[in-house]
């Protein structure tokens, strides 16, 4: 009986881990509209912290909406590596 409890306990832990990982990964793959996303959401992009997220918002406020996702590279500090890391998630 004691061995059975260990298996049940382990199964519960694995189930919780799968649920939490699935939730994390699902939100990590959601597209982010760089014309409407707030700083908090922009910060979810790879290689983009709060400072760069604020620059994205400032850029669009000053220059108008992005016409193409690639234009994110016009923001100071956002280069090709950041674009490549996020190109499947960035939308306009």
PDB file of N, CA and C in Angstrom:
ATOM      1  N   UNK A   1       0.822  -1.189   0.000  1.00  0.00           N
ATOM      2  CA  UNK A   1       0.000   0.000   0.000  1.00  0.00           C
ATOM      3  C   UNK A   1       0.871   1.260   0.000  1.00  0.00           C
ATOM      4  N   UNK A   2       1.961   1.242   0.742  1.00  0.00           N
ATOM      5  CA  UNK A   2       2.840   2.401   0.830  1.00  0.00           C
ATOM      6  C   UNK A   2       3.422   2.735  -0.539  1.00  0.00           C
ATOM      7  N   UNK A   3       3.777   1.720  -1.312  1.00  0.00           N
ATOM      8  CA  UNK A   3       4.333   1.909  -2.654  1.00  0.00           C
ATOM      9  C   UNK A   3       3.289   2.546  -3.576  1.00  0.00           C
ATOM     10  N   UNK A   4       2.027   2.177  -3.407  1.00  0.00           N
ATOM     11  CA  UNK A   4       0.939   2.735  -4.205  1.00  0.00           C
ATOM     12  C   UNK A   4       0.791   4.232  -3.944  1.00  0.00           C
ATOM     13  N   UNK A   5       0.911   4.658  -2.703  1.00  0.00           N
ATOM     14  CA  UNK A   5       0.802   6.083  -2.352  1.00  0.00           C
ATOM     15  C   UNK A   5       1.894   6.893  -3.034  1.00  0.00           C
ATOM     16  N   UNK A   6       3.103   6.353  -3.081  1.00  0.00           N
ATOM     17  CA  UNK A   6       4.203   7.048  -3.746  1.00  0.00           C
ATOM     18  C   UNK A   6       3.902   7.250  -5.224  1.00  0.00           C
ATOM     19  N   UNK A   7       3.328   6.228  -5.867  1.00  0.00           N
ATOM     20  CA  UNK A   7       2.991   6.325  -7.286  1.00  0.00           C
ATOM     21  C   UNK A   7       1.906   7.374  -7.515  1.00  0.00           C
ATOM     22  N   UNK A   8       0.897   7.388  -6.653  1.00  0.00           N
ATOM     23  CA  UNK A   8      -0.182   8.366  -6.777  1.00  0.00           C
ATOM     24  C   UNK A   8       0.375   9.777  -6.558  1.00  0.00           C
ATOM     25  N   UNK A   9       1.198   9.944  -5.554  1.00  0.00           N
ATOM     26  CA  UNK A   9       1.812  11.236  -5.257  1.00  0.00           C
ATOM     27  C   UNK A   9       2.636  11.711  -6.449  1.00  0.00           C
ATOM     28  N   UNK A  10       3.445  10.828  -7.011  1.00  0.00           N
ATOM     29  CA  UNK A  10       4.264  11.165  -8.171  1.00  0.00           C
ATOM     30  C   UNK A  10       3.392  11.525  -9.365  1.00  0.00           C
ATOM     31  N   UNK A  11       2.324  10.785  -9.580  1.00  0.00           N
ATOM     32  CA  UNK A  11       1.413  11.065 -10.699  1.00  0.00           C
ATOM     33  C   UNK A  11       0.770  12.442 -10.546  1.00  0.00           C
ATOM     34  N   UNK A  12       0.396  12.795  -9.331  1.00  0.00           N
ATOM     35  CA  UNK A  12      -0.198  14.111  -9.074  1.00  0.00           C
ATOM     36  C   UNK A  12       0.824  15.212  -9.349  1.00  0.00           C
ATOM     37  N   UNK A  13       2.046  15.034  -8.898  1.00  0.00           N
ATOM     38  CA  UNK A  13       3.089  16.038  -9.143  1.00  0.00           C
ATOM     39  C   UNK A  13       3.368  16.213 -10.633  1.00  0.00           C
ATOM     40  N   UNK A  14       3.440  15.121 -11.358  1.00  0.00           N
ATOM     41  CA  UNK A  14       3.682  15.187 -12.807  1.00  0.00           C
ATOM     42  C   UNK A  14       2.521  15.898 -13.495  1.00  0.00           C
ATOM     43  N   UNK A  15       1.301  15.599 -13.102  1.00  0.00           N
ATOM     44  CA  UNK A  15       0.121  16.235 -13.691  1.00  0.00           C
ATOM     45  C   UNK A  15       0.146  17.738 -13.450  1.00  0.00           C
ATOM     46  N   UNK A  16       0.460  18.155 -12.254  1.00  0.00           N
ATOM     47  CA  UNK A  16       0.543  19.585 -11.931  1.00  0.00           C
ATOM     48  C   UNK A  16       1.632  20.245 -12.772  1.00  0.00           C
ATOM     49  N   UNK A  17       2.777  19.604 -12.884  1.00  0.00           N
ATOM     50  CA  UNK A  17       3.882  20.162 -13.675  1.00  0.00           C
ATOM     51  C   UNK A  17       3.481  20.324 -15.138  1.00  0.00           C
ATOM     52  N   UNK A  18       2.789  19.341 -15.687  1.00  0.00           N
ATOM     53  CA  UNK A  18       2.346  19.408 -17.092  1.00  0.00           C
ATOM     54  C   UNK A  18       1.352  20.555 -17.277  1.00  0.00           C
ATOM     55  N   UNK A  19       0.434  20.704 -16.358  1.00  0.00           N
ATOM     56  CA  UNK A  19      -0.558  21.781 -16.447  1.00  0.00           C
ATOM     57  C   UNK A  19       0.135  23.138 -16.390  1.00  0.00           C
ATOM     58  N   UNK A  20       1.031  23.310 -15.438  1.00  0.00           N
ATOM     59  CA  UNK A  20       1.726  24.594 -15.303  1.00  0.00           C
ATOM     60  C   UNK A  20       2.601  24.882 -16.512  1.00  0.00           C
ATOM     61  N   UNK A  21       3.286  23.903 -17.026  1.00  0.00           N
ATOM     62  CA  UNK A  21       4.132  24.092 -18.204  1.00  0.00           C
ATOM     63  C   UNK A  21       3.278  24.418 -19.411  1.00  0.00           C
ATOM     64  N   UNK A  22       2.177  23.742 -19.571  1.00  0.00           N
ATOM     65  CA  UNK A  22       1.286  24.010 -20.697  1.00  0.00           C
ATOM     66  C   UNK A  22       0.745  25.416 -20.668  1.00  0.00           C
ATOM     67  N   UNK A  23       0.382  25.902 -19.492  1.00  0.00           N
ATOM     68  CA  UNK A  23      -0.115  27.260 -19.346  1.00  0.00           C
ATOM     69  C   UNK A  23       0.966  28.266 -19.700  1.00  0.00           C
ATOM     70  N   UNK A  24       2.159  28.031 -19.209  1.00  0.00           N
ATOM     71  CA  UNK A  24       3.282  28.921 -19.483  1.00  0.00           C
ATOM     72  C   UNK A  24       3.599  28.958 -20.966  1.00  0.00           C
ATOM     73  N   UNK A  25       3.715  27.810 -21.564  1.00  0.00           N
ATOM     74  CA  UNK A  25       4.096  27.733 -22.971  1.00  0.00           C
ATOM     75  C   UNK A  25       2.999  28.245 -23.887  1.00  0.00           C
ATOM     76  N   UNK A  26       1.749  28.052 -23.515  1.00  0.00           N
ATOM     77  CA  UNK A  26       0.650  28.533 -24.349  1.00  0.00           C
ATOM     78  C   UNK A  26       0.671  30.043 -24.422  1.00  0.00           C
ATOM     79  N   UNK A  27       0.878  30.714 -23.291  1.00  0.00           N
ATOM     80  CA  UNK A  27       0.919  32.174 -23.317  1.00  0.00           C
ATOM     81  C   UNK A  27       2.182  32.675 -23.994  1.00  0.00           C
ATOM     82  N   UNK A  28       3.244  31.904 -23.930  1.00  0.00           N
ATOM     83  CA  UNK A  28       4.493  32.312 -24.556  1.00  0.00           C
ATOM     84  C   UNK A  28       4.404  32.265 -26.073  1.00  0.00           C
ATOM     85  N   UNK A  29       3.448  31.519 -26.612  1.00  0.00           N
ATOM     86  CA  UNK A  29       3.336  31.393 -28.053  1.00  0.00           C
ATOM     87  C   UNK A  29       2.250  32.283 -28.648  1.00  0.00           C
ATOM     88  N   UNK A  30       1.528  33.009 -27.823  1.00  0.00           N
ATOM     89  CA  UNK A  30       0.477  33.881 -28.331  1.00  0.00           C
ATOM     90  C   UNK A  30       1.092  35.018 -29.136  1.00  0.00           C
ATOM     91  N   UNK A  31       0.461  35.382 -30.272  1.00  0.00           N
ATOM     92  CA  UNK A  31       0.974  36.518 -31.032  1.00  0.00           C
ATOM     93  C   UNK A  31       0.841  37.812 -30.234  1.00  0.00           C
ATOM     94  N   UNK A  32       1.768  38.707 -30.469  1.00  0.00           N
ATOM     95  CA  UNK A  32       1.744  40.001 -29.797  1.00  0.00           C
ATOM     96  C   UNK A  32       1.681  41.086 -30.861  1.00  0.00           C
ATOM     97  N   UNK A  33       0.640  41.906 -30.790  1.00  0.00           N
ATOM     98  CA  UNK A  33       0.474  43.006 -31.731  1.00  0.00           C
ATOM     99  C   UNK A  33       1.289  44.191 -31.220  1.00  0.00           C
ATOM    100  N   UNK A  34       2.346  44.525 -31.940  1.00  0.00           N
ATOM    101  CA  UNK A  34       3.237  45.592 -31.479  1.00  0.00           C
ATOM    102  C   UNK A  34       2.614  46.980 -31.622  1.00  0.00           C
ATOM    103  N   UNK A  35       1.454  47.069 -32.249  1.00  0.00           N
ATOM    104  CA  UNK A  35       0.749  48.350 -32.345  1.00  0.00           C
ATOM    105  C   UNK A  35      -0.204  48.590 -31.183  1.00  0.00           C
ATOM    106  N   UNK A  36      -0.567  47.548 -30.472  1.00  0.00           N
ATOM    107  CA  UNK A  36      -1.569  47.701 -29.414  1.00  0.00           C
ATOM    108  C   UNK A  36      -1.118  47.167 -28.051  1.00  0.00           C
ATOM    109  N   UNK A  37      -0.091  46.333 -28.024  1.00  0.00           N
ATOM    110  CA  UNK A  37       0.318  45.681 -26.768  1.00  0.00           C
ATOM    111  C   UNK A  37       0.895  46.695 -25.783  1.00  0.00           C
ATOM    112  N   UNK A  38       0.536  46.555 -24.503  1.00  0.00           N
ATOM    113  CA  UNK A  38       1.152  47.401 -23.477  1.00  0.00           C
ATOM    114  C   UNK A  38       2.570  46.906 -23.161  1.00  0.00           C
ATOM    115  N   UNK A  39       3.283  47.701 -22.396  1.00  0.00           N
ATOM    116  CA  UNK A  39       4.671  47.384 -22.032  1.00  0.00           C
ATOM    117  C   UNK A  39       4.776  45.993 -21.429  1.00  0.00           C
ATOM    118  N   UNK A  40       3.851  45.630 -20.552  1.00  0.00           N
ATOM    119  CA  UNK A  40       3.905  44.334 -19.876  1.00  0.00           C
ATOM    120  C   UNK A  40       3.875  43.181 -20.882  1.00  0.00           C
ATOM    121  N   UNK A  41       3.026  43.291 -21.884  1.00  0.00           N
ATOM    122  CA  UNK A  41       2.922  42.220 -22.878  1.00  0.00           C
ATOM    123  C   UNK A  41       4.126  42.222 -23.812  1.00  0.00           C
ATOM    124  N   UNK A  42       4.597  43.390 -24.209  1.00  0.00           N
ATOM    125  CA  UNK A  42       5.774  43.468 -25.069  1.00  0.00           C
ATOM    126  C   UNK A  42       6.994  42.878 -24.374  1.00  0.00           C
ATOM    127  N   UNK A  43       7.056  43.004 -23.065  1.00  0.00           N
ATOM    128  CA  UNK A  43       8.176  42.460 -22.287  1.00  0.00           C
ATOM    129  C   UNK A  43       8.230  40.942 -22.331  1.00  0.00           C
ATOM    130  N   UNK A  44       7.143  40.289 -22.741  1.00  0.00           N
ATOM    131  CA  UNK A  44       7.105  38.834 -22.848  1.00  0.00           C
ATOM    132  C   UNK A  44       7.880  38.321 -24.062  1.00  0.00           C
ATOM    133  N   UNK A  45       8.191  39.205 -25.005  1.00  0.00           N
ATOM    134  CA  UNK A  45       8.963  38.801 -26.171  1.00  0.00           C
ATOM    135  C   UNK A  45      10.381  38.433 -25.744  1.00  0.00           C
ATOM    136  N   UNK A  46      10.974  37.468 -26.434  1.00  0.00           N
ATOM    137  CA  UNK A  46      12.350  37.080 -26.156  1.00  0.00           C
ATOM    138  C   UNK A  46      13.280  38.249 -26.420  1.00  0.00           C
ATOM    139  N   UNK A  47      14.242  38.448 -25.545  1.00  0.00           N
ATOM    140  CA  UNK A  47      15.261  39.476 -25.681  1.00  0.00           C
ATOM    141  C   UNK A  47      14.710  40.898 -25.528  1.00  0.00           C
ATOM    142  N   UNK A  48      13.460  41.034 -25.043  1.00  0.00           N
ATOM    143  CA  UNK A  48      12.850  42.350 -24.854  1.00  0.00           C
ATOM    144  C   UNK A  48      12.468  42.486 -23.392  1.00  0.00           C
ATOM    145  N   UNK A  49      13.138  43.364 -22.700  1.00  0.00           N
ATOM    146  CA  UNK A  49      12.788  43.644 -21.312  1.00  0.00           C
ATOM    147  C   UNK A  49      11.925  44.883 -21.244  1.00  0.00           C
ATOM    148  N   UNK A  50      11.709  45.380 -20.041  1.00  0.00           N
ATOM    149  CA  UNK A  50      10.856  46.550 -19.842  1.00  0.00           C
ATOM    150  C   UNK A  50      11.397  47.777 -20.575  1.00  0.00           C
ATOM    151  N   UNK A  51      12.712  47.959 -20.575  1.00  0.00           N
ATOM    152  CA  UNK A  51      13.309  49.137 -21.218  1.00  0.00           C
ATOM    153  C   UNK A  51      13.022  49.147 -22.712  1.00  0.00           C
ATOM    154  N   UNK A  52      13.224  48.015 -23.374  1.00  0.00           N
ATOM    155  CA  UNK A  52      12.973  47.948 -24.812  1.00  0.00           C
ATOM    156  C   UNK A  52      11.482  47.988 -25.110  1.00  0.00           C
ATOM    157  N   UNK A  53      10.671  47.404 -24.247  1.00  0.00           N
ATOM    158  CA  UNK A  53       9.214  47.452 -24.427  1.00  0.00           C
ATOM    159  C   UNK A  53       8.735  48.908 -24.370  1.00  0.00           C
ATOM    160  N   UNK A  54       9.287  49.683 -23.449  1.00  0.00           N
ATOM    161  CA  UNK A  54       8.937  51.105 -23.361  1.00  0.00           C
ATOM    162  C   UNK A  54       9.361  51.844 -24.629  1.00  0.00           C
ATOM    163  N   UNK A  55      10.514  51.480 -25.187  1.00  0.00           N
ATOM    164  CA  UNK A  55      10.973  52.108 -26.431  1.00  0.00           C
ATOM    165  C   UNK A  55      10.037  51.790 -27.597  1.00  0.00           C
ATOM    166  N   UNK A  56       9.503  50.575 -27.621  1.00  0.00           N
ATOM    167  CA  UNK A  56       8.562  50.196 -28.681  1.00  0.00           C
ATOM    168  C   UNK A  56       7.314  51.062 -28.590  1.00  0.00           C
ATOM    169  N   UNK A  57       6.784  51.232 -27.379  1.00  0.00           N
ATOM    170  CA  UNK A  57       5.592  52.058 -27.179  1.00  0.00           C
ATOM    171  C   UNK A  57       5.890  53.510 -27.561  1.00  0.00           C
ATOM    172  N   UNK A  58       7.033  54.029 -27.116  1.00  0.00           N
ATOM    173  CA  UNK A  58       7.405  55.405 -27.455  1.00  0.00           C
ATOM    174  C   UNK A  58       7.545  55.587 -28.962  1.00  0.00           C
ATOM    175  N   UNK A  59       8.139  54.605 -29.620  1.00  0.00           N
ATOM    176  CA  UNK A  59       8.337  54.677 -31.065  1.00  0.00           C
ATOM    177  C   UNK A  59       6.985  54.769 -31.786  1.00  0.00           C
ATOM    178  N   UNK A  60       6.045  53.909 -31.408  1.00  0.00           N
ATOM    179  CA  UNK A  60       4.760  53.920 -32.116  1.00  0.00           C
ATOM    180  C   UNK A  60       3.947  55.167 -31.790  1.00  0.00           C
ATOM    181  N   UNK A  61       4.118  55.712 -30.577  1.00  0.00           N
ATOM    182  CA  UNK A  61       3.424  56.958 -30.238  1.00  0.00           C
ATOM    183  C   UNK A  61       3.980  58.131 -31.049  1.00  0.00           C
ATOM    184  N   UNK A  62       5.269  58.125 -31.286  1.00  0.00           N
ATOM    185  CA  UNK A  62       5.926  59.209 -32.023  1.00  0.00           C
ATOM    186  C   UNK A  62       5.756  59.066 -33.534  1.00  0.00           C
ATOM    187  N   UNK A  63       5.830  57.843 -34.056  1.00  0.00           N
ATOM    188  CA  UNK A  63       5.858  57.604 -35.499  1.00  0.00           C
ATOM    189  C   UNK A  63       4.581  57.001 -36.071  1.00  0.00           C
ATOM    190  N   UNK A  64       3.612  56.712 -35.241  1.00  0.00           N
ATOM    191  CA  UNK A  64       2.398  56.055 -35.710  1.00  0.00           C
ATOM    192  C   UNK A  64       2.570  54.542 -35.676  1.00  0.00           C
ATOM    193  N   UNK A  65       1.520  53.840 -36.075  1.00  0.00           N
ATOM    194  CA  UNK A  65       1.569  52.375 -36.000  1.00  0.00           C
ATOM    195  C   UNK A  65       2.599  51.776 -36.945  1.00  0.00           C
ATOM    196  N   UNK A  66       3.110  50.631 -36.546  1.00  0.00           N
ATOM    197  CA  UNK A  66       4.014  49.866 -37.406  1.00  0.00           C
ATOM    198  C   UNK A  66       3.184  49.357 -38.595  1.00  0.00           C
ATOM    199  N   UNK A  67       3.752  49.429 -39.785  1.00  0.00           N
ATOM    200  CA  UNK A  67       3.056  48.938 -40.973  1.00  0.00           C
ATOM    201  C   UNK A  67       3.372  47.469 -41.244  1.00  0.00           C
ATOM    202  N   UNK A  68       4.525  47.011 -40.769  1.00  0.00           N
ATOM    203  CA  UNK A  68       4.946  45.618 -40.939  1.00  0.00           C
ATOM    204  C   UNK A  68       5.685  45.190 -39.672  1.00  0.00           C
ATOM    205  N   UNK A  69       5.590  43.910 -39.308  1.00  0.00           N
ATOM    206  CA  UNK A  69       6.269  43.439 -38.095  1.00  0.00           C
ATOM    207  C   UNK A  69       7.772  43.717 -38.086  1.00  0.00           C
ATOM    208  N   UNK A  70       8.412  43.653 -39.261  1.00  0.00           N
ATOM    209  CA  UNK A  70       9.860  43.856 -39.359  1.00  0.00           C
ATOM    210  C   UNK A  70      10.287  45.254 -38.910  1.00  0.00           C
ATOM    211  N   UNK A  71       9.357  46.205 -38.957  1.00  0.00           N
ATOM    212  CA  UNK A  71       9.672  47.579 -38.571  1.00  0.00           C
ATOM    213  C   UNK A  71      10.061  47.708 -37.103  1.00  0.00           C
ATOM    214  N   UNK A  72       9.844  46.657 -36.318  1.00  0.00           N
ATOM    215  CA  UNK A  72      10.265  46.706 -34.919  1.00  0.00           C
ATOM    216  C   UNK A  72      11.767  46.956 -34.833  1.00  0.00           C
ATOM    217  N   UNK A  73      12.494  46.588 -35.888  1.00  0.00           N
ATOM    218  CA  UNK A  73      13.948  46.803 -35.899  1.00  0.00           C
ATOM    219  C   UNK A  73      14.309  48.283 -36.048  1.00  0.00           C
ATOM    220  N   UNK A  74      13.316  49.143 -36.307  1.00  0.00           N
ATOM    221  CA  UNK A  74      13.551  50.588 -36.336  1.00  0.00           C
ATOM    222  C   UNK A  74      13.679  51.164 -34.931  1.00  0.00           C
ATOM    223  N   UNK A  75      13.270  50.407 -33.937  1.00  0.00           N
ATOM    224  CA  UNK A  75      13.346  50.844 -32.541  1.00  0.00           C
ATOM    225  C   UNK A  75      14.779  50.683 -32.066  1.00  0.00           C
ATOM    226  N   UNK A  76      15.332  51.731 -31.465  1.00  0.00           N
ATOM    227  CA  UNK A  76      16.710  51.703 -30.982  1.00  0.00           C
ATOM    228  C   UNK A  76      16.917  50.528 -30.026  1.00  0.00           C
ATOM    229  N   UNK A  77      17.922  49.706 -30.322  1.00  0.00           N
ATOM    230  CA  UNK A  77      18.254  48.564 -29.472  1.00  0.00           C
ATOM    231  C   UNK A  77      17.605  47.260 -29.883  1.00  0.00           C
ATOM    232  N   UNK A  78      16.648  47.327 -30.811  1.00  0.00           N
ATOM    233  CA  UNK A  78      15.999  46.115 -31.309  1.00  0.00           C
ATOM    234  C   UNK A  78      16.627  45.800 -32.663  1.00  0.00           C
ATOM    235  N   UNK A  79      17.379  44.733 -32.706  1.00  0.00           N
ATOM    236  CA  UNK A  79      18.074  44.387 -33.936  1.00  0.00           C
ATOM    237  C   UNK A  79      17.612  43.073 -34.530  1.00  0.00           C
ATOM    238  N   UNK A  80      18.423  42.593 -35.443  1.00  0.00           N
ATOM    239  CA  UNK A  80      18.093  41.373 -36.187  1.00  0.00           C
ATOM    240  C   UNK A  80      17.937  40.158 -35.273  1.00  0.00           C
ATOM    241  N   UNK A  81      18.781  40.040 -34.243  1.00  0.00           N
ATOM    242  CA  UNK A  81      18.686  38.873 -33.345  1.00  0.00           C
ATOM    243  C   UNK A  81      17.343  38.862 -32.610  1.00  0.00           C
ATOM    244  N   UNK A  82      16.922  40.024 -32.142  1.00  0.00           N
ATOM    245  CA  UNK A  82      15.634  40.110 -31.449  1.00  0.00           C
ATOM    246  C   UNK A  82      14.497  39.822 -32.417  1.00  0.00           C
ATOM    247  N   UNK A  83      14.599  40.371 -33.628  1.00  0.00           N
ATOM    248  CA  UNK A  83      13.586  40.102 -34.646  1.00  0.00           C
ATOM    249  C   UNK A  83      13.513  38.604 -34.943  1.00  0.00           C
ATOM    250  N   UNK A  84      14.650  37.975 -35.170  1.00  0.00           N
ATOM    251  CA  UNK A  84      14.685  36.550 -35.498  1.00  0.00           C
ATOM    252  C   UNK A  84      14.092  35.705 -34.365  1.00  0.00           C
ATOM    253  N   UNK A  85      14.347  36.102 -33.130  1.00  0.00           N
ATOM    254  CA  UNK A  85      13.846  35.346 -31.977  1.00  0.00           C
ATOM    255  C   UNK A  85      12.330  35.450 -31.824  1.00  0.00           C
ATOM    256  N   UNK A  86      11.730  36.495 -32.412  1.00  0.00           N
ATOM    257  CA  UNK A  86      10.314  36.767 -32.178  1.00  0.00           C
ATOM    258  C   UNK A  86       9.451  36.861 -33.429  1.00  0.00           C
ATOM    259  N   UNK A  87      10.025  36.695 -34.596  1.00  0.00           N
ATOM    260  CA  UNK A  87       9.282  36.964 -35.828  1.00  0.00           C
ATOM    261  C   UNK A  87       8.013  36.136 -35.992  1.00  0.00           C
ATOM    262  N   UNK A  88       7.952  34.987 -35.352  1.00  0.00           N
ATOM    263  CA  UNK A  88       6.742  34.161 -35.445  1.00  0.00           C
ATOM    264  C   UNK A  88       5.637  34.620 -34.497  1.00  0.00           C
ATOM    265  N   UNK A  89       5.962  35.536 -33.597  1.00  0.00           N
ATOM    266  CA  UNK A  89       4.979  36.000 -32.601  1.00  0.00           C
ATOM    267  C   UNK A  89       4.527  37.427 -32.822  1.00  0.00           C
ATOM    268  N   UNK A  90       5.323  38.217 -33.547  1.00  0.00           N
ATOM    269  CA  UNK A  90       5.018  39.638 -33.702  1.00  0.00           C
ATOM    270  C   UNK A  90       4.048  39.842 -34.864  1.00  0.00           C
ATOM    271  N   UNK A  91       2.966  40.548 -34.579  1.00  0.00           N
ATOM    272  CA  UNK A  91       1.972  40.892 -35.606  1.00  0.00           C
ATOM    273  C   UNK A  91       1.657  42.381 -35.509  1.00  0.00           C
ATOM    274  N   UNK A  92       1.063  42.898 -36.595  1.00  0.00           N
ATOM    275  CA  UNK A  92       0.599  44.299 -36.607  1.00  0.00           C
ATOM    276  C   UNK A  92      -0.866  44.333 -36.972  1.00  0.00           C
TER     277      UNK A  92
END
